[in-house]
Protein backbone atom coordinates (compact mmCIF):
# COMPACT_ATOMS: atom_id res chain seq x y z
CA MET A 1 -16.48 41.36 14.70
CA THR A 2 -16.57 41.38 10.90
CA TRP A 3 -19.93 41.70 9.15
CA PHE A 4 -20.76 40.99 5.54
CA CYS A 5 -23.37 42.18 3.09
CA TYR A 6 -24.10 39.53 0.46
CA LEU A 7 -26.14 38.78 -2.64
CA LEU A 8 -27.59 35.37 -3.47
CA ARG A 9 -29.08 34.01 -6.67
CA CYS A 10 -32.16 31.94 -5.87
CA ALA A 11 -33.36 28.92 -7.83
CA ASP A 12 -36.06 31.07 -9.48
CA ASP A 13 -33.29 33.45 -10.70
CA THR A 14 -34.21 36.25 -8.30
CA LEU A 15 -31.58 38.02 -6.22
CA TYR A 16 -31.62 38.22 -2.42
CA CYS A 17 -29.55 40.63 -0.34
CA GLY A 18 -28.76 40.13 3.33
CA ILE A 19 -26.17 40.59 6.08
CA THR A 20 -24.38 38.19 8.40
CA ASN A 21 -21.27 37.74 10.50
CA ASP A 22 -20.81 34.11 9.31
CA LEU A 23 -21.18 33.62 5.54
CA ALA A 24 -20.86 29.82 5.48
CA LYS A 25 -23.39 29.31 8.26
CA ARG A 26 -25.85 31.78 6.72
CA LEU A 27 -25.61 30.20 3.25
CA ALA A 28 -26.23 26.77 4.78
CA ALA A 29 -29.24 28.17 6.64
CA HIS A 30 -30.68 29.62 3.43
CA ASN A 31 -30.24 26.29 1.65
CA ASP A 32 -31.77 24.40 4.60
CA GLY A 33 -34.86 26.60 4.34
CA THR A 34 -34.22 28.31 7.68
CA GLY A 35 -32.34 31.41 6.48
CA ALA A 36 -35.07 33.83 5.45
CA LYS A 37 -38.73 33.67 4.56
CA TYR A 38 -37.96 34.95 1.05
CA THR A 39 -35.45 32.19 0.25
CA ARG A 40 -37.35 29.38 2.00
CA ASN A 41 -39.13 28.22 -1.17
CA ARG A 42 -36.46 29.37 -3.60
CA THR A 43 -33.66 26.90 -2.83
CA PRO A 44 -31.01 26.13 -3.72
CA VAL A 45 -29.34 29.52 -3.48
CA VAL A 46 -25.84 30.45 -4.64
CA MET A 47 -23.64 33.16 -3.16
CA LEU A 48 -22.71 35.60 -5.93
CA TYR A 49 -21.34 38.58 -4.02
CA GLN A 50 -19.99 39.45 -0.60
CA GLU A 51 -18.68 42.66 0.82
CA ILE A 52 -16.87 43.15 4.13
CA CYS A 53 -18.41 45.78 6.39
CA GLU A 54 -16.96 47.41 9.48
CA ASP A 55 -19.86 46.59 11.81
CA ARG A 56 -23.52 45.58 11.83
CA SER A 57 -24.69 49.14 11.36
CA SER A 58 -22.61 49.70 8.22
CA ALA A 59 -23.65 46.27 6.90
CA SER A 60 -27.32 47.19 7.36
CA LYS A 61 -26.83 50.52 5.60
CA ARG A 62 -25.05 48.82 2.71
CA GLU A 63 -27.80 46.19 2.49
CA LEU A 64 -30.42 48.93 2.20
CA ALA A 65 -28.39 50.71 -0.49
CA ILE A 66 -28.00 47.50 -2.51
CA LYS A 67 -31.69 46.63 -2.16
CA LYS A 68 -32.54 49.99 -3.72
CA LEU A 69 -30.49 49.18 -6.84
CA SER A 70 -32.15 47.86 -9.98
CA ARG A 71 -31.52 44.23 -10.92
CA GLU A 72 -29.21 45.39 -13.71
CA LYS A 73 -27.12 47.48 -11.29
CA LYS A 74 -26.93 44.57 -8.83
CA LEU A 75 -25.68 42.31 -11.63
CA ALA A 76 -23.14 44.97 -12.63
CA LEU A 77 -21.92 45.11 -9.00
CA ILE A 78 -21.52 41.33 -8.99
CA ALA A 79 -19.72 41.38 -12.33
CA ALA A 80 -17.35 44.14 -11.23
CA ALA A 81 -16.45 42.27 -8.06
CA SER A 82 -15.81 39.04 -9.94
CA GLY A 83 -13.78 40.75 -12.65
CA ARG A 84 -16.20 39.63 -15.37
CA ALA A 85 -17.64 41.89 -18.01
CA GLU A 86 -21.20 40.90 -17.18
CA ILE A 87 -23.32 38.38 -15.33
CA LYS A 88 -25.98 36.77 -17.46
CA THR A 89 -29.45 36.31 -16.06
């Protein structure tokens, strides 16, 4: 089973990092207010970044590593993946 680590931009311009094995379903859950306590009152959310992981364990480890990054480094990661020079906040 394929797992993903992802980054969302919330309506209040904060970033949220999580993992899932179904990106579309998880994004819908976040926007329905049932995805995570953090995003519940920060809808709508937009998927900015996704990364394929080998299994749940590696997805969890990657999530932890991304959560430790500064906001600027997270935005740089998003920009690099999208091929853009930068992501404006």
